[in-house]
Structures are given as structure tokens and as C-alpha cells.
Amino acid sequence: MASELAGLVARHGGRPVPAPALREVPSEDGSVPRFLTELQAGRLAVVVFLTGVGAQAVLDTAFALGQAEETLAGLRRTRVVCRGPKPLAVMRAHGVPVALVAPPPHTTQELLAALLSQGWELKGSEVALQHYGQQNQALKEALAAAGARLLEVSPYRWELPQDLGPLRSAIEAIVAGEVDAVCFTSRPQVLHLFQVADSLGLAEALRESLNGRVVAAAVGPVCAQTLEEQGVRASVQPQHARLGHMVLALARYWQEREQGVPGGASARR
């Protein structure tokens, strides 16, 4: 979503400076083919999709293997759960009914509460859990505690960009005060940023800058929490975890600051 985010920033009068902090690498652990076999055999009671990228990657594999119809038919026979609107959009695009979508802000907490409130018999049931670039340990442990037999599906993993030049330059610019704000859209972005900053010996300086004159904007609560774990408080966090809402909240923050409103009254709305 880099180009979309840059366009939003420019539309609101900012000058975007893209600095990729991660890349998605297809997984080769064999979990997707195993999932397709179990799904098509009718052995899955629930399928949980956490990301749109992951849901699409699973379907892309099915299409590449010539198993599209069997896979879609299997999903239509199964209770499909989506964490948020992105995997929901993928399912709808392929005519797959979705039994449950977690309410906003679509974090693990809302997903788990909604899932456990359905009254579905999870004990002894086979539940497929699509991980994103890293395992969702909290959701995994909660489903296991409910007695589910987990089939973990990892379509991709997150790694650092092959070219770290733009990210290193961005860190140096933040530390030097040449950047006014940084937009964070995911947990691994934050972790990778500080990982690279640490390799440059600039982690503490980065932390000081983000807590000082450089505004840290987090797209949602998970991102904001990750920043806090790194010792940084997000000055801007929108009410709805969307790119457009984050950029709008950031624009309002600057507008209010120029008007002399301390800290930006709507910074965390």
C-alpha cells in the first residue's frame, strides 16, 4: 500500500518519503497444500483468515494447482471467519459466504471474543488458522485452550527489504530532524525500523526523535502498542484503523498545532 499511502499524504499537502521496512516472502513450509487437502476433504470445521494478502495467497496457490473449484466449494461448506475487511473482500470476490467478521478495530482481541461468543463447538474440531508474516501466538494459544485441533497455515513470512538503503536514509533523516512525521501501518514495520536503527547505533536517538519533534502516527492499536514497546508514544492514532483515517488525523494534528492547540486535540481521534 506504499503508493496509496504516498498519494494520501500528497493529497493533504505533505511530501511523502517512502522507506520500505519489510517485504513479504512466499512460504515454502508446505502448509498451504496441506490446508487445501484438509479443506477439500471436508475435515475443517472453521477457517480463520487474518489478512487479505494471506487469503489471496491461499487462493492463488489453489488456482495454480488447478484446484480452484474444489477449494471454493470447500470454503463454502465451512465456517469462514475473517479478522477484518481485507480478507472479507477476498472471500466476497470469490462468492464465499463469511460466517463471522471481527468488529473494529479488528485486532486479535475482538476476533477472539467474537469467535468464542458464537457457541460453536471448538473442542475436538479442526480449525485452520492463517498466520501472517509471523505467528499470532495469542490466537493460537486461545484456540488450543478451547480444545481446537489447529491446522496452521503460513502463506508468507516477513523479512527486511533486500535494499536497506532507503530505510537507513530515513532513520538518519528522522534523527537529524529532517522529517516532520512518520506513518506506521504495521507491527513488523516498527520492529524492523528499530532493528536497522540498532545496527546503525541510532536506536536511542531514533526513540528520542519520535518522542520529540518528529510526530509518530500509528494506523491502529496494534501498531501503537508496538511503538510503546519500543519506548515511543504515538502522537496520532485515528479512531478507525485505516490509512485514510490516519492521514486525515495527521493533517488535523498539524492544522491544530498551527492554530496553537496544545498537542492537537484530535490527535488520537
C-alpha atoms as a PDB file:
ATOM      1  CA  MET A   1       0.000   0.000   0.000  1.00  0.00           C
ATOM      2  CA  ALA A   2       3.038   2.305  -0.271  1.00  0.00           C
ATOM      3  CA  SER A   3       1.801   4.174  -3.346  1.00  0.00           C
ATOM      4  CA  GLU A   4      -1.682   4.583  -1.871  1.00  0.00           C
ATOM      5  CA  LEU A   5      -0.279   6.000   1.365  1.00  0.00           C
ATOM      6  CA  ALA A   6       2.067   8.343  -0.505  1.00  0.00           C
ATOM      7  CA  GLY A   7      -0.853   9.586  -2.591  1.00  0.00           C
ATOM      8  CA  LEU A   8      -2.939  10.294   0.501  1.00  0.00           C
ATOM      9  CA  VAL A   9      -0.101  12.234   2.126  1.00  0.00           C
ATOM     10  CA  ALA A  10       0.455  14.309  -1.016  1.00  0.00           C
ATOM     11  CA  ARG A  11      -3.264  14.987  -1.348  1.00  0.00           C
ATOM     12  CA  HIS A  12      -3.261  16.564   2.104  1.00  0.00           C
ATOM     13  CA  GLY A  13      -0.269  18.768   1.335  1.00  0.00           C
ATOM     14  CA  GLY A  14       2.554  16.617   2.667  1.00  0.00           C
ATOM     15  CA  ARG A  15       5.691  15.451   0.886  1.00  0.00           C
ATOM     16  CA  PRO A  16       5.881  11.655   1.147  1.00  0.00           C
ATOM     17  CA  VAL A  17       9.262   9.974   1.560  1.00  0.00           C
ATOM     18  CA  PRO A  18       8.763   6.204   1.074  1.00  0.00           C
ATOM     19  CA  ALA A  19      11.034   3.971   3.147  1.00  0.00           C
ATOM     20  CA  PRO A  20      10.096   0.268   2.815  1.00  0.00           C
ATOM     21  CA  ALA A  21      10.643  -1.596   6.076  1.00  0.00           C
ATOM     22  CA  LEU A  22       9.529  -5.099   5.104  1.00  0.00           C
ATOM     23  CA  ARG A  23       8.789  -7.450   2.264  1.00  0.00           C
ATOM     24  CA  GLU A  24       6.507 -10.456   2.017  1.00  0.00           C
ATOM     25  CA  VAL A  25       8.260 -13.670   1.046  1.00  0.00           C
ATOM     26  CA  PRO A  26       6.194 -16.718  -0.015  1.00  0.00           C
ATOM     27  CA  SER A  27       6.440 -19.533   2.499  1.00  0.00           C
ATOM     28  CA  GLU A  28       7.758 -22.917   1.442  1.00  0.00           C
ATOM     29  CA  ASP A  29       6.715 -24.881   4.528  1.00  0.00           C
ATOM     30  CA  GLY A  30       4.024 -26.865   2.721  1.00  0.00           C
ATOM     31  CA  SER A  31       1.241 -25.601   5.000  1.00  0.00           C
ATOM     32  CA  VAL A  32      -0.923 -24.229   2.167  1.00  0.00           C
ATOM     33  CA  PRO A  33      -1.091 -27.538   0.208  1.00  0.00           C
ATOM     34  CA  ARG A  34      -1.891 -29.349   3.478  1.00  0.00           C
ATOM     35  CA  PHE A  35      -4.673 -26.857   4.125  1.00  0.00           C
ATOM     36  CA  LEU A  36      -6.117 -27.378   0.648  1.00  0.00           C
ATOM     37  CA  THR A  37      -6.131 -31.162   1.131  1.00  0.00           C
ATOM     38  CA  GLU A  38      -7.914 -30.942   4.504  1.00  0.00           C
ATOM     39  CA  LEU A  39     -10.391 -28.360   3.223  1.00  0.00           C
ATOM     40  CA  GLN A  40     -11.340 -30.280   0.108  1.00  0.00           C
ATOM     41  CA  ALA A  41     -11.744 -33.471   2.170  1.00  0.00           C
ATOM     42  CA  GLY A  42     -14.288 -31.698   4.374  1.00  0.00           C
ATOM     43  CA  ARG A  43     -12.297 -32.138   7.565  1.00  0.00           C
ATOM     44  CA  LEU A  44     -12.208 -28.459   8.595  1.00  0.00           C
ATOM     45  CA  ALA A  45     -14.900 -27.007  10.860  1.00  0.00           C
ATOM     46  CA  VAL A  46     -13.645 -23.400  10.849  1.00  0.00           C
ATOM     47  CA  VAL A  47     -11.210 -21.451   8.693  1.00  0.00           C
ATOM     48  CA  VAL A  48      -9.811 -18.188  10.106  1.00  0.00           C
ATOM     49  CA  PHE A  49      -8.299 -15.688   7.676  1.00  0.00           C
ATOM     50  CA  LEU A  50      -6.321 -12.916   9.332  1.00  0.00           C
ATOM     51  CA  THR A  51      -5.190 -10.932   6.285  1.00  0.00           C
ATOM     52  CA  GLY A  52      -6.357 -10.225   2.772  1.00  0.00           C
ATOM     53  CA  VAL A  53      -2.868 -10.936   1.423  1.00  0.00           C
ATOM     54  CA  GLY A  54      -2.870 -14.333   3.109  1.00  0.00           C
ATOM     55  CA  ALA A  55      -6.364 -15.242   1.933  1.00  0.00           C
ATOM     56  CA  GLN A  56      -5.499 -14.297  -1.638  1.00  0.00           C
ATOM     57  CA  ALA A  57      -2.208 -16.198  -1.465  1.00  0.00           C
ATOM     58  CA  VAL A  58      -4.071 -19.360  -0.435  1.00  0.00           C
ATOM     59  CA  LEU A  59      -6.493 -18.984  -3.332  1.00  0.00           C
ATOM     60  CA  ASP A  60      -3.678 -18.191  -5.765  1.00  0.00           C
ATOM     61  CA  THR A  61      -1.996 -21.458  -4.779  1.00  0.00           C
ATOM     62  CA  ALA A  62      -5.256 -23.339  -5.317  1.00  0.00           C
ATOM     63  CA  PHE A  63      -5.658 -21.795  -8.778  1.00  0.00           C
ATOM     64  CA  ALA A  64      -2.030 -22.556  -9.671  1.00  0.00           C
ATOM     65  CA  LEU A  65      -2.558 -26.211  -8.684  1.00  0.00           C
ATOM     66  CA  GLY A  66      -5.747 -26.450 -10.735  1.00  0.00           C
ATOM     67  CA  GLN A  67      -7.841 -26.836  -7.559  1.00  0.00           C
ATOM     68  CA  ALA A  68      -9.855 -23.619  -7.700  1.00  0.00           C
ATOM     69  CA  GLU A  69     -13.345 -25.094  -7.846  1.00  0.00           C
ATOM     70  CA  GLU A  70     -12.647 -27.732  -5.217  1.00  0.00           C
ATOM     71  CA  THR A  71     -11.163 -25.118  -2.876  1.00  0.00           C
ATOM     72  CA  LEU A  72     -14.008 -22.626  -3.283  1.00  0.00           C
ATOM     73  CA  ALA A  73     -16.545 -25.403  -2.802  1.00  0.00           C
ATOM     74  CA  GLY A  74     -14.732 -26.449   0.371  1.00  0.00           C
ATOM     75  CA  LEU A  75     -14.767 -22.899   1.736  1.00  0.00           C
ATOM     76  CA  ARG A  76     -18.480 -22.596   1.017  1.00  0.00           C
ATOM     77  CA  ARG A  77     -19.099 -25.717   3.110  1.00  0.00           C
ATOM     78  CA  THR A  78     -17.010 -24.394   6.005  1.00  0.00           C
ATOM     79  CA  ARG A  79     -17.475 -21.649   8.595  1.00  0.00           C
ATOM     80  CA  VAL A  80     -15.190 -18.906   7.339  1.00  0.00           C
ATOM     81  CA  VAL A  81     -14.044 -16.261   9.826  1.00  0.00           C
ATOM     82  CA  CYS A  82     -12.303 -13.012   8.821  1.00  0.00           C
ATOM     83  CA  ARG A  83     -10.424 -10.705  11.147  1.00  0.00           C
ATOM     84  CA  GLY A  84     -11.290  -7.605   9.127  1.00  0.00           C
ATOM     85  CA  PRO A  85     -12.475  -6.123   5.842  1.00  0.00           C
ATOM     86  CA  LYS A  86      -9.495  -7.139   3.699  1.00  0.00           C
ATOM     87  CA  PRO A  87      -9.892 -10.938   3.889  1.00  0.00           C
ATOM     88  CA  LEU A  88     -13.660 -10.363   3.784  1.00  0.00           C
ATOM     89  CA  ALA A  89     -13.271  -8.580   0.435  1.00  0.00           C
ATOM     90  CA  VAL A  90     -11.255 -11.513  -0.938  1.00  0.00           C
ATOM     91  CA  MET A  91     -13.916 -14.012   0.110  1.00  0.00           C
ATOM     92  CA  ARG A  92     -16.736 -11.908  -1.326  1.00  0.00           C
ATOM     93  CA  ALA A  93     -14.882 -11.526  -4.618  1.00  0.00           C
ATOM     94  CA  HIS A  94     -14.957 -15.312  -4.953  1.00  0.00           C
ATOM     95  CA  GLY A  95     -18.533 -15.801  -3.761  1.00  0.00           C
ATOM     96  CA  VAL A  96     -17.564 -17.379  -0.439  1.00  0.00           C
ATOM     97  CA  PRO A  97     -20.004 -16.692   2.450  1.00  0.00           C
ATOM     98  CA  VAL A  98     -18.368 -15.431   5.641  1.00  0.00           C
ATOM     99  CA  ALA A  99     -19.841 -16.587   8.935  1.00  0.00           C
ATOM    100  CA  LEU A 100     -18.112 -14.039  11.170  1.00  0.00           C
ATOM    101  CA  VAL A 101     -16.108 -10.814  10.910  1.00  0.00           C
ATOM    102  CA  ALA A 102     -14.424  -9.323  13.974  1.00  0.00           C
ATOM    103  CA  PRO A 103     -15.727  -5.851  14.913  1.00  0.00           C
ATOM    104  CA  PRO A 104     -13.471  -2.762  14.721  1.00  0.00           C
ATOM    105  CA  PRO A 105     -10.642  -2.219  15.310  1.00  0.00           C
ATOM    106  CA  HIS A 106     -10.260  -5.809  14.056  1.00  0.00           C
ATOM    107  CA  THR A 107      -7.477  -6.871  16.419  1.00  0.00           C
ATOM    108  CA  THR A 108      -6.873 -10.334  17.850  1.00  0.00           C
ATOM    109  CA  GLN A 109      -8.819  -9.352  20.959  1.00  0.00           C
ATOM    110  CA  GLU A 110     -12.023  -8.554  19.054  1.00  0.00           C
ATOM    111  CA  LEU A 111     -11.625 -11.583  16.817  1.00  0.00           C
ATOM    112  CA  LEU A 112     -11.167 -13.979  19.696  1.00  0.00           C
ATOM    113  CA  ALA A 113     -14.074 -12.539  21.698  1.00  0.00           C
ATOM    114  CA  ALA A 114     -16.390 -12.752  18.690  1.00  0.00           C
ATOM    115  CA  LEU A 115     -15.270 -16.273  17.828  1.00  0.00           C
ATOM    116  CA  LEU A 116     -15.714 -17.652  21.342  1.00  0.00           C
ATOM    117  CA  SER A 117     -19.130 -15.989  21.717  1.00  0.00           C
ATOM    118  CA  GLN A 118     -20.670 -17.894  18.799  1.00  0.00           C
ATOM    119  CA  GLY A 119     -21.342 -21.051  20.763  1.00  0.00           C
ATOM    120  CA  TRP A 120     -19.568 -23.150  18.144  1.00  0.00           C
ATOM    121  CA  GLU A 121     -18.212 -26.456  19.403  1.00  0.00           C
ATOM    122  CA  LEU A 122     -14.487 -25.986  19.010  1.00  0.00           C
ATOM    123  CA  LYS A 123     -13.354 -28.807  21.268  1.00  0.00           C
ATOM    124  CA  GLY A 124     -12.070 -31.589  19.073  1.00  0.00           C
ATOM    125  CA  SER A 125     -12.828 -29.608  15.900  1.00  0.00           C
ATOM    126  CA  GLU A 126     -10.194 -28.982  13.272  1.00  0.00           C
ATOM    127  CA  VAL A 127      -9.660 -25.232  12.873  1.00  0.00           C
ATOM    128  CA  ALA A 128      -7.403 -23.731  10.208  1.00  0.00           C
ATOM    129  CA  LEU A 129      -5.636 -20.541  11.250  1.00  0.00           C
ATOM    130  CA  GLN A 130      -3.990 -18.433   8.560  1.00  0.00           C
ATOM    131  CA  HIS A 131      -0.985 -16.667  10.032  1.00  0.00           C
ATOM    132  CA  TYR A 132       0.529 -13.547   8.512  1.00  0.00           C
ATOM    133  CA  GLY A 133       4.269 -12.810   8.341  1.00  0.00           C
ATOM    134  CA  GLN A 134       4.667 -14.073  11.888  1.00  0.00           C
ATOM    135  CA  GLN A 135       2.622 -16.410  14.041  1.00  0.00           C
ATOM    136  CA  ASN A 136      -0.278 -14.972  16.017  1.00  0.00           C
ATOM    137  CA  GLN A 137       0.726 -16.676  19.231  1.00  0.00           C
ATOM    138  CA  ALA A 138      -2.122 -15.267  21.347  1.00  0.00           C
ATOM    139  CA  LEU A 139      -4.833 -16.503  18.982  1.00  0.00           C
ATOM    140  CA  LYS A 140      -3.083 -19.824  18.523  1.00  0.00           C
ATOM    141  CA  GLU A 141      -2.908 -20.438  22.267  1.00  0.00           C
ATOM    142  CA  ALA A 142      -6.515 -19.356  22.869  1.00  0.00           C
ATOM    143  CA  LEU A 143      -7.898 -21.686  20.197  1.00  0.00           C
ATOM    144  CA  ALA A 144      -5.801 -24.549  21.524  1.00  0.00           C
ATOM    145  CA  ALA A 145      -7.087 -23.814  25.038  1.00  0.00           C
ATOM    146  CA  ALA A 146     -10.643 -24.053  23.665  1.00  0.00           C
ATOM    147  CA  GLY A 147      -9.836 -27.591  22.552  1.00  0.00           C
ATOM    148  CA  ALA A 148      -9.468 -26.927  18.829  1.00  0.00           C
ATOM    149  CA  ARG A 149      -7.112 -29.039  16.758  1.00  0.00           C
ATOM    150  CA  LEU A 150      -5.146 -26.394  14.909  1.00  0.00           C
ATOM    151  CA  LEU A 151      -4.010 -26.518  11.313  1.00  0.00           C
ATOM    152  CA  GLU A 152      -1.634 -23.584  10.967  1.00  0.00           C
ATOM    153  CA  VAL A 153      -1.334 -22.029   7.524  1.00  0.00           C
ATOM    154  CA  SER A 154       1.542 -19.663   6.726  1.00  0.00           C
ATOM    155  CA  PRO A 155       1.308 -18.428   3.119  1.00  0.00           C
ATOM    156  CA  TYR A 156       4.126 -15.902   3.566  1.00  0.00           C
ATOM    157  CA  ARG A 157       6.665 -14.532   6.007  1.00  0.00           C
ATOM    158  CA  TRP A 158       8.037 -11.054   6.636  1.00  0.00           C
ATOM    159  CA  GLU A 159      11.667 -10.177   6.053  1.00  0.00           C
ATOM    160  CA  LEU A 160      13.683  -6.999   5.794  1.00  0.00           C
ATOM    161  CA  PRO A 161      13.857  -5.372   2.345  1.00  0.00           C
ATOM    162  CA  GLN A 162      16.717  -6.572   0.175  1.00  0.00           C
ATOM    163  CA  ASP A 163      17.795  -2.947  -0.282  1.00  0.00           C
ATOM    164  CA  LEU A 164      18.103  -1.319   3.144  1.00  0.00           C
ATOM    165  CA  GLY A 165      19.374   1.977   1.711  1.00  0.00           C
ATOM    166  CA  PRO A 166      16.050   3.887   1.818  1.00  0.00           C
ATOM    167  CA  LEU A 167      15.295   2.684   5.354  1.00  0.00           C
ATOM    168  CA  ARG A 168      18.754   3.628   6.625  1.00  0.00           C
ATOM    169  CA  SER A 169      18.443   7.054   4.988  1.00  0.00           C
ATOM    170  CA  ALA A 170      15.024   7.527   6.590  1.00  0.00           C
ATOM    171  CA  ILE A 171      16.391   6.695  10.037  1.00  0.00           C
ATOM    172  CA  GLU A 172      19.223   9.180   9.605  1.00  0.00           C
ATOM    173  CA  ALA A 173      16.753  11.845   8.403  1.00  0.00           C
ATOM    174  CA  ILE A 174      14.461  11.248  11.409  1.00  0.00           C
ATOM    175  CA  VAL A 175      17.359  11.513  13.831  1.00  0.00           C
ATOM    176  CA  ALA A 176      18.614  14.671  12.099  1.00  0.00           C
ATOM    177  CA  GLY A 177      15.183  16.287  12.375  1.00  0.00           C
ATOM    178  CA  GLU A 178      14.725  16.415   8.602  1.00  0.00           C
ATOM    179  CA  VAL A 179      11.393  14.577   8.826  1.00  0.00           C
ATOM    180  CA  ASP A 180       8.255  16.029  10.426  1.00  0.00           C
ATOM    181  CA  ALA A 181       6.216  12.835  10.832  1.00  0.00           C
ATOM    182  CA  VAL A 182       6.450   9.082  10.376  1.00  0.00           C
ATOM    183  CA  CYS A 183       3.417   6.944   9.465  1.00  0.00           C
ATOM    184  CA  PHE A 184       3.445   3.388  10.793  1.00  0.00           C
ATOM    185  CA  THR A 185       0.998   0.871   9.335  1.00  0.00           C
ATOM    186  CA  SER A 186       2.035  -2.466  10.871  1.00  0.00           C
ATOM    187  CA  ARG A 187       3.824  -4.079  13.787  1.00  0.00           C
ATOM    188  CA  PRO A 188       6.735  -5.524  11.758  1.00  0.00           C
ATOM    189  CA  GLN A 189       7.479  -2.096  10.277  1.00  0.00           C
ATOM    190  CA  VAL A 190       8.156  -0.786  13.774  1.00  0.00           C
ATOM    191  CA  LEU A 191      10.276  -3.793  14.743  1.00  0.00           C
ATOM    192  CA  HIS A 192      12.306  -3.667  11.535  1.00  0.00           C
ATOM    193  CA  LEU A 193      12.834   0.086  11.849  1.00  0.00           C
ATOM    194  CA  PHE A 194      14.364  -0.291  15.296  1.00  0.00           C
ATOM    195  CA  GLN A 195      16.303  -3.392  14.257  1.00  0.00           C
ATOM    196  CA  VAL A 196      18.020  -1.435  11.483  1.00  0.00           C
ATOM    197  CA  ALA A 197      18.430   1.624  13.715  1.00  0.00           C
ATOM    198  CA  ASP A 198      20.148  -0.560  16.312  1.00  0.00           C
ATOM    199  CA  SER A 199      22.549  -1.890  13.667  1.00  0.00           C
ATOM    200  CA  LEU A 200      23.437   1.738  12.898  1.00  0.00           C
ATOM    201  CA  GLY A 201      23.853   2.596  16.568  1.00  0.00           C
ATOM    202  CA  LEU A 202      20.934   5.030  16.293  1.00  0.00           C
ATOM    203  CA  ALA A 203      18.137   3.248  18.167  1.00  0.00           C
ATOM    204  CA  GLU A 204      18.166   5.576  21.162  1.00  0.00           C
ATOM    205  CA  ALA A 205      18.479   8.680  19.000  1.00  0.00           C
ATOM    206  CA  LEU A 206      15.553   7.450  16.900  1.00  0.00           C
ATOM    207  CA  ARG A 207      13.486   6.898  20.021  1.00  0.00           C
ATOM    208  CA  GLU A 208      14.256  10.411  21.255  1.00  0.00           C
ATOM    209  CA  SER A 209      13.328  11.977  17.918  1.00  0.00           C
ATOM    210  CA  LEU A 210       9.995  10.140  17.705  1.00  0.00           C
ATOM    211  CA  ASN A 211       9.172  11.251  21.234  1.00  0.00           C
ATOM    212  CA  GLY A 212      10.310  14.792  20.432  1.00  0.00           C
ATOM    213  CA  ARG A 213       9.769  16.969  17.385  1.00  0.00           C
ATOM    214  CA  VAL A 214       9.035  14.115  14.942  1.00  0.00           C
ATOM    215  CA  VAL A 215       5.395  13.030  15.110  1.00  0.00           C
ATOM    216  CA  ALA A 216       4.737   9.281  15.226  1.00  0.00           C
ATOM    217  CA  ALA A 217       1.407   8.296  13.639  1.00  0.00           C
ATOM    218  CA  ALA A 218       0.078   4.756  14.159  1.00  0.00           C
ATOM    219  CA  VAL A 219      -2.668   3.343  11.961  1.00  0.00           C
ATOM    220  CA  GLY A 220      -4.241   1.339  14.803  1.00  0.00           C
ATOM    221  CA  PRO A 221      -3.911  -0.011  18.342  1.00  0.00           C
ATOM    222  CA  VAL A 222      -1.584  -2.914  17.499  1.00  0.00           C
ATOM    223  CA  CYS A 223       0.825  -0.562  15.793  1.00  0.00           C
ATOM    224  CA  ALA A 224       0.587   1.953  18.640  1.00  0.00           C
ATOM    225  CA  GLN A 225       1.244  -0.800  21.207  1.00  0.00           C
ATOM    226  CA  THR A 226       4.324  -1.950  19.294  1.00  0.00           C
ATOM    227  CA  LEU A 227       5.644   1.606  19.326  1.00  0.00           C
ATOM    228  CA  GLU A 228       5.068   1.747  23.077  1.00  0.00           C
ATOM    229  CA  GLU A 229       7.047  -1.496  23.473  1.00  0.00           C
ATOM    230  CA  GLN A 230       9.904   0.327  21.763  1.00  0.00           C
ATOM    231  CA  GLY A 231       9.544   3.294  24.100  1.00  0.00           C
ATOM    232  CA  VAL A 232       7.669   5.576  21.701  1.00  0.00           C
ATOM    233  CA  ARG A 233       4.224   7.104  22.216  1.00  0.00           C
ATOM    234  CA  ALA A 234       2.132   7.579  19.089  1.00  0.00           C
ATOM    235  CA  SER A 235       1.014  11.206  18.964  1.00  0.00           C
ATOM    236  CA  VAL A 236      -1.561  10.435  16.262  1.00  0.00           C
ATOM    237  CA  GLN A 237      -3.882   7.424  16.151  1.00  0.00           C
ATOM    238  CA  PRO A 238      -7.199   7.500  14.241  1.00  0.00           C
ATOM    239  CA  GLN A 239     -10.432   6.134  15.658  1.00  0.00           C
ATOM    240  CA  HIS A 240     -10.724   3.747  12.704  1.00  0.00           C
ATOM    241  CA  ALA A 241      -7.654   1.753  11.692  1.00  0.00           C
ATOM    242  CA  ARG A 242      -7.490   2.824   8.035  1.00  0.00           C
ATOM    243  CA  LEU A 243      -4.776   4.540   6.031  1.00  0.00           C
ATOM    244  CA  GLY A 244      -7.078   7.368   5.009  1.00  0.00           C
ATOM    245  CA  HIS A 245      -8.211   7.979   8.580  1.00  0.00           C
ATOM    246  CA  MET A 246      -4.601   8.027   9.796  1.00  0.00           C
ATOM    247  CA  VAL A 247      -3.513  10.602   7.212  1.00  0.00           C
ATOM    248  CA  LEU A 248      -6.587  12.721   7.920  1.00  0.00           C
ATOM    249  CA  ALA A 249      -5.857  12.573  11.668  1.00  0.00           C
ATOM    250  CA  LEU A 250      -2.265  13.597  10.989  1.00  0.00           C
ATOM    251  CA  ALA A 251      -3.407  16.519   8.812  1.00  0.00           C
ATOM    252  CA  ARG A 252      -5.762  17.655  11.567  1.00  0.00           C
ATOM    253  CA  TYR A 253      -2.948  17.370  14.105  1.00  0.00           C
ATOM    254  CA  TRP A 254      -0.757  19.739  12.091  1.00  0.00           C
ATOM    255  CA  GLN A 255      -3.641  22.125  11.494  1.00  0.00           C
ATOM    256  CA  GLU A 256      -4.487  22.293  15.190  1.00  0.00           C
ATOM    257  CA  ARG A 257      -0.847  22.676  16.145  1.00  0.00           C
ATOM    258  CA  GLU A 258      -0.511  25.617  13.766  1.00  0.00           C
ATOM    259  CA  GLN A 259      -3.596  27.100  15.404  1.00  0.00           C
ATOM    260  CA  GLY A 260      -1.958  26.794  18.800  1.00  0.00           C
ATOM    261  CA  VAL A 261      -3.977  23.852  20.104  1.00  0.00           C
ATOM    262  CA  PRO A 262      -1.619  22.044  22.543  1.00  0.00           C
ATOM    263  CA  GLY A 263      -0.691  18.596  21.235  1.00  0.00           C
ATOM    264  CA  GLY A 264      -3.561  18.545  18.773  1.00  0.00           C
ATOM    265  CA  ALA A 265      -6.883  17.887  20.473  1.00  0.00           C
ATOM    266  CA  SER A 266      -7.997  15.371  17.845  1.00  0.00           C
ATOM    267  CA  ALA A 267      -4.638  13.636  17.584  1.00  0.00           C
ATOM    268  CA  ARG A 268      -5.989  10.388  18.990  1.00  0.00           C
ATOM    269  CA  ARG A 269      -9.443  10.504  17.388  1.00  0.00           C
END
